[in-house]
C-alpha atoms as a PDB file:
ATOM      1  CA  MET A   1      46.273 140.361   1.779  1.00  0.00           C
ATOM      2  CA  ALA A   2      43.574 138.533   3.713  1.00  0.00           C
ATOM      3  CA  ASP A   3      43.994 137.606   7.365  1.00  0.00           C
ATOM      4  CA  VAL A   4      45.713 134.315   8.146  1.00  0.00           C
ATOM      5  CA  PHE A   5      44.655 132.169  11.108  1.00  0.00           C
ATOM      6  CA  PHE A   6      46.972 129.938  13.111  1.00  0.00           C
ATOM      7  CA  GLU A   7      45.703 127.776  15.975  1.00  0.00           C
ATOM      8  CA  SER A   8      47.402 125.538  18.494  1.00  0.00           C
ATOM      9  CA  TRP A   9      45.889 123.501  21.333  1.00  0.00           C
ATOM     10  CA  VAL A  10      48.042 121.882  23.990  1.00  0.00           C
ATOM     11  CA  TRP A  11      47.053 120.071  27.176  1.00  0.00           C
ATOM     12  CA  VAL A  12      49.420 120.702  30.096  1.00  0.00           C
ATOM     13  CA  GLY A  13      49.420 118.531  33.218  1.00  0.00           C
ATOM     14  CA  ARG A  14      49.409 121.475  35.641  1.00  0.00           C
ATOM     15  CA  ASN A  15      46.698 123.608  37.197  1.00  0.00           C
ATOM     16  CA  ARG A  16      45.326 126.555  35.249  1.00  0.00           C
ATOM     17  CA  PRO A  17      46.669 129.401  37.461  1.00  0.00           C
ATOM     18  CA  GLU A  18      50.207 127.988  37.244  1.00  0.00           C
ATOM     19  CA  VAL A  19      50.096 127.559  33.446  1.00  0.00           C
ATOM     20  CA  PHE A  20      48.527 130.992  33.010  1.00  0.00           C
ATOM     21  CA  GLU A  21      51.159 132.640  35.206  1.00  0.00           C
ATOM     22  CA  PHE A  22      54.012 131.114  33.196  1.00  0.00           C
ATOM     23  CA  LEU A  23      52.613 131.936  29.748  1.00  0.00           C
ATOM     24  CA  ALA A  24      51.325 135.405  30.696  1.00  0.00           C
ATOM     25  CA  ASN A  25      54.662 136.523  32.122  1.00  0.00           C
ATOM     26  CA  PRO A  26      56.239 138.838  29.505  1.00  0.00           C
ATOM     27  CA  GLU A  27      59.700 138.009  30.847  1.00  0.00           C
ATOM     28  CA  ASN A  28      59.206 134.431  29.554  1.00  0.00           C
ATOM     29  CA  ILE A  29      58.809 135.489  25.905  1.00  0.00           C
ATOM     30  CA  PRO A  30      62.554 135.116  25.208  1.00  0.00           C
ATOM     31  CA  CYS A  31      62.665 131.578  26.607  1.00  0.00           C
ATOM     32  CA  LEU A  32      59.454 130.594  24.747  1.00  0.00           C
ATOM     33  CA  THR A  33      60.849 131.864  21.441  1.00  0.00           C
ATOM     34  CA  PRO A  34      63.511 129.982  19.455  1.00  0.00           C
ATOM     35  CA  PRO A  35      67.031 131.413  19.797  1.00  0.00           C
ATOM     36  CA  TRP A  36      67.213 132.107  16.043  1.00  0.00           C
ATOM     37  CA  LEU A  37      64.589 134.861  16.572  1.00  0.00           C
ATOM     38  CA  GLY A  38      66.724 136.539  19.240  1.00  0.00           C
ATOM     39  CA  ALA A  39      63.695 137.874  21.141  1.00  0.00           C
ATOM     40  CA  HIS A  40      64.387 140.019  24.170  1.00  0.00           C
ATOM     41  CA  LEU A  41      62.608 142.640  26.240  1.00  0.00           C
ATOM     42  CA  LEU A  42      63.870 146.170  25.812  1.00  0.00           C
ATOM     43  CA  ALA A  43      62.749 147.439  29.228  1.00  0.00           C
ATOM     44  CA  PRO A  44      64.872 146.352  32.188  1.00  0.00           C
ATOM     45  CA  ARG A  45      61.742 145.691  34.270  1.00  0.00           C
ATOM     46  CA  PRO A  46      58.579 145.357  32.223  1.00  0.00           C
ATOM     47  CA  PRO A  47      55.273 146.388  33.731  1.00  0.00           C
ATOM     48  CA  ARG A  48      53.172 143.638  35.240  1.00  0.00           C
ATOM     49  CA  MET A  49      50.806 141.969  32.791  1.00  0.00           C
ATOM     50  CA  SER A  50      47.448 143.728  32.828  1.00  0.00           C
ATOM     51  CA  ALA A  51      44.878 145.108  30.415  1.00  0.00           C
ATOM     52  CA  GLY A  52      46.470 148.144  28.796  1.00  0.00           C
ATOM     53  CA  ALA A  53      50.070 147.061  29.446  1.00  0.00           C
ATOM     54  CA  VAL A  54      52.595 147.732  26.683  1.00  0.00           C
ATOM     55  CA  PHE A  55      55.715 145.620  26.137  1.00  0.00           C
ATOM     56  CA  ASP A  56      58.613 146.426  23.831  1.00  0.00           C
ATOM     57  CA  TYR A  57      60.723 143.626  22.365  1.00  0.00           C
ATOM     58  CA  ARG A  58      63.437 143.306  19.794  1.00  0.00           C
ATOM     59  CA  ILE A  59      63.533 140.288  17.491  1.00  0.00           C
ATOM     60  CA  ARG A  60      65.819 139.254  14.657  1.00  0.00           C
ATOM     61  CA  TRP A  61      63.926 138.050  11.626  1.00  0.00           C
ATOM     62  CA  LEU A  62      66.051 136.732   8.762  1.00  0.00           C
ATOM     63  CA  GLY A  63      68.965 138.517  10.424  1.00  0.00           C
ATOM     64  CA  VAL A  64      67.220 141.904  10.457  1.00  0.00           C
ATOM     65  CA  PRO A  65      66.620 143.506  13.891  1.00  0.00           C
ATOM     66  CA  ILE A  66      62.985 144.544  14.338  1.00  0.00           C
ATOM     67  CA  ALA A  67      61.381 146.487  17.185  1.00  0.00           C
ATOM     68  CA  VAL A  68      58.026 145.091  18.263  1.00  0.00           C
ATOM     69  CA  ARG A  69      55.522 146.746  20.579  1.00  0.00           C
ATOM     70  CA  MET A  70      52.744 144.624  22.023  1.00  0.00           C
ATOM     71  CA  PHE A  71      49.599 145.956  23.710  1.00  0.00           C
ATOM     72  CA  VAL A  72      47.526 143.791  26.052  1.00  0.00           C
ATOM     73  CA  ARG A  73      43.954 144.479  24.962  1.00  0.00           C
ATOM     74  CA  GLU A  74      42.257 141.914  27.226  1.00  0.00           C
ATOM     75  CA  TYR A  75      43.420 140.349  30.466  1.00  0.00           C
ATOM     76  CA  ASP A  76      41.228 137.999  32.505  1.00  0.00           C
ATOM     77  CA  PRO A  77      43.401 135.740  34.707  1.00  0.00           C
ATOM     78  CA  PRO A  78      43.554 132.799  34.775  1.00  0.00           C
ATOM     79  CA  VAL A  79      41.218 132.383  31.795  1.00  0.00           C
ATOM     80  CA  ARG A  80      42.511 134.448  28.888  1.00  0.00           C
ATOM     81  CA  PHE A  81      44.490 137.352  27.534  1.00  0.00           C
ATOM     82  CA  LEU A  82      44.805 138.986  24.143  1.00  0.00           C
ATOM     83  CA  ASP A  83      47.890 140.804  22.940  1.00  0.00           C
ATOM     84  CA  VAL A  84      48.076 142.803  19.728  1.00  0.00           C
ATOM     85  CA  GLN A  85      51.023 144.208  17.840  1.00  0.00           C
ATOM     86  CA  VAL A  86      50.953 148.003  17.632  1.00  0.00           C
ATOM     87  CA  ARG A  87      54.414 148.256  16.056  1.00  0.00           C
ATOM     88  CA  GLY A  88      56.265 145.552  14.193  1.00  0.00           C
ATOM     89  CA  PRO A  89      56.576 143.657  10.955  1.00  0.00           C
ATOM     90  CA  CYS A  90      52.929 142.636  10.469  1.00  0.00           C
ATOM     91  CA  ALA A  91      50.029 144.702   9.172  1.00  0.00           C
ATOM     92  CA  ARG A  92      47.931 142.855  11.803  1.00  0.00           C
ATOM     93  CA  TRP A  93      48.865 140.547  14.687  1.00  0.00           C
ATOM     94  CA  GLU A  94      46.406 139.467  17.370  1.00  0.00           C
ATOM     95  CA  HIS A  95      47.165 136.560  19.672  1.00  0.00           C
ATOM     96  CA  ARG A  96      44.395 135.224  21.915  1.00  0.00           C
ATOM     97  CA  HIS A  97      45.497 132.886  24.710  1.00  0.00           C
ATOM     98  CA  MET A  98      42.797 130.748  26.383  1.00  0.00           C
ATOM     99  CA  PHE A  99      43.286 128.530  29.442  1.00  0.00           C
ATOM    100  CA  LEU A 100      40.625 125.906  30.123  1.00  0.00           C
ATOM    101  CA  GLU A 101      40.511 123.382  32.951  1.00  0.00           C
ATOM    102  CA  GLU A 102      40.422 119.932  31.403  1.00  0.00           C
ATOM    103  CA  ALA A 103      41.123 116.357  32.577  1.00  0.00           C
ATOM    104  CA  GLY A 104      43.085 117.358  35.670  1.00  0.00           C
ATOM    105  CA  GLY A 105      45.241 119.835  33.786  1.00  0.00           C
ATOM    106  CA  THR A 106      44.958 122.863  31.533  1.00  0.00           C
ATOM    107  CA  ARG A 107      44.091 123.102  27.879  1.00  0.00           C
ATOM    108  CA  VAL A 108      45.970 126.027  26.317  1.00  0.00           C
ATOM    109  CA  GLU A 109      44.369 127.330  23.147  1.00  0.00           C
ATOM    110  CA  ASP A 110      46.242 129.867  21.046  1.00  0.00           C
ATOM    111  CA  ARG A 111      44.552 131.655  18.173  1.00  0.00           C
ATOM    112  CA  LEU A 112      46.712 133.937  16.116  1.00  0.00           C
ATOM    113  CA  VAL A 113      45.252 136.226  13.453  1.00  0.00           C
ATOM    114  CA  TYR A 114      47.803 138.012  11.323  1.00  0.00           C
ATOM    115  CA  ARG A 115      48.246 139.775   8.036  1.00  0.00           C
ATOM    116  CA  LEU A 116      51.489 140.589   6.303  1.00  0.00           C
ATOM    117  CA  PRO A 117      52.010 143.824   4.382  1.00  0.00           C
ATOM    118  CA  LEU A 118      52.862 144.082   0.677  1.00  0.00           C
ATOM    119  CA  GLY A 119      49.824 142.381  -0.894  1.00  0.00           C
ATOM    120  CA  PRO A 120      50.834 139.559  -3.289  1.00  0.00           C
ATOM    121  CA  LEU A 121      54.427 139.609  -2.044  1.00  0.00           C
ATOM    122  CA  GLY A 122      53.144 139.258   1.535  1.00  0.00           C
ATOM    123  CA  ARG A 123      50.961 136.286   0.520  1.00  0.00           C
ATOM    124  CA  LEU A 124      53.983 134.591  -1.041  1.00  0.00           C
ATOM    125  CA  ALA A 125      56.127 135.303   2.040  1.00  0.00           C
ATOM    126  CA  GLU A 126      53.384 133.861   4.263  1.00  0.00           C
ATOM    127  CA  ARG A 127      53.233 130.590   2.315  1.00  0.00           C
ATOM    128  CA  VAL A 128      56.963 130.149   1.808  1.00  0.00           C
ATOM    129  CA  VAL A 129      58.549 131.643   4.935  1.00  0.00           C
ATOM    130  CA  VAL A 130      56.248 132.961   7.673  1.00  0.00           C
ATOM    131  CA  GLY A 131      53.750 130.081   7.880  1.00  0.00           C
ATOM    132  CA  PRO A 132      56.478 127.405   8.176  1.00  0.00           C
ATOM    133  CA  GLN A 133      58.383 129.572  10.671  1.00  0.00           C
ATOM    134  CA  LEU A 134      55.293 129.927  12.869  1.00  0.00           C
ATOM    135  CA  GLU A 135      54.962 126.141  12.948  1.00  0.00           C
ATOM    136  CA  ARG A 136      58.635 125.866  14.018  1.00  0.00           C
ATOM    137  CA  ILE A 137      58.142 128.573  16.648  1.00  0.00           C
ATOM    138  CA  TRP A 138      55.144 126.742  18.139  1.00  0.00           C
ATOM    139  CA  ARG A 139      56.960 123.403  18.176  1.00  0.00           C
ATOM    140  CA  TYR A 140      59.800 125.099  20.052  1.00  0.00           C
ATOM    141  CA  ARG A 141      57.332 126.803  22.421  1.00  0.00           C
ATOM    142  CA  ASN A 142      55.650 123.458  23.117  1.00  0.00           C
ATOM    143  CA  SER A 143      59.020 121.865  23.884  1.00  0.00           C
ATOM    144  CA  VAL A 144      59.749 124.629  26.432  1.00  0.00           C
ATOM    145  CA  ILE A 145      56.299 124.213  27.994  1.00  0.00           C
ATOM    146  CA  ALA A 146      56.905 120.455  28.241  1.00  0.00           C
ATOM    147  CA  GLU A 147      60.309 121.021  29.832  1.00  0.00           C
ATOM    148  CA  ARG A 148      59.117 123.654  32.319  1.00  0.00           C
ATOM    149  CA  LEU A 149      55.550 122.527  33.039  1.00  0.00           C
ATOM    150  CA  GLY A 150      55.188 119.050  31.507  1.00  0.00           C
ATOM    151  CA  PRO A 151      53.750 116.683  30.821  1.00  0.00           C
ATOM    152  CA  ILE A 152      52.006 118.028  27.727  1.00  0.00           C
ATOM    153  CA  ARG A 153      49.913 116.543  24.968  1.00  0.00           C
ATOM    154  CA  VAL A 154      49.742 118.404  21.674  1.00  0.00           C
ATOM    155  CA  LEU A 155      46.120 118.402  20.550  1.00  0.00           C
ATOM    156  CA  ARG A 156      46.547 120.607  17.492  1.00  0.00           C
ATOM    157  CA  GLU A 157      49.705 122.256  16.198  1.00  0.00           C
END
């Protein structure tokens, strides 16, 4: 299966360091993820976000519990960070977070590159299930960002 790209751009009416701090905090993953995914950190106190940090989560996808390990490959506060899945359901998962100062606030750009396993079956699952779920997850994430940091303006979802 070929890589799939998902992008989202949101403008947040807060300063860049504040937005970066909220979205780069691994303890906020559960609140930024819809309850139906049941995301939670496995470590009682995760290490501080930094290049080389590893975070273990558990999610529930379609009712099945899945362990996910994320590795922070790049970390350049308050500008960007890149986390990659080293264990989990995807054959590839790289999520680049960019934070740009814009119009008195912060433009948050997310670029997700992923690939599902299982060839043709993975392509079908991406079109029918995973792609639509990612859109729902990002809408939920944007609603949490609006509630916690608002105002926001969705530029591309």
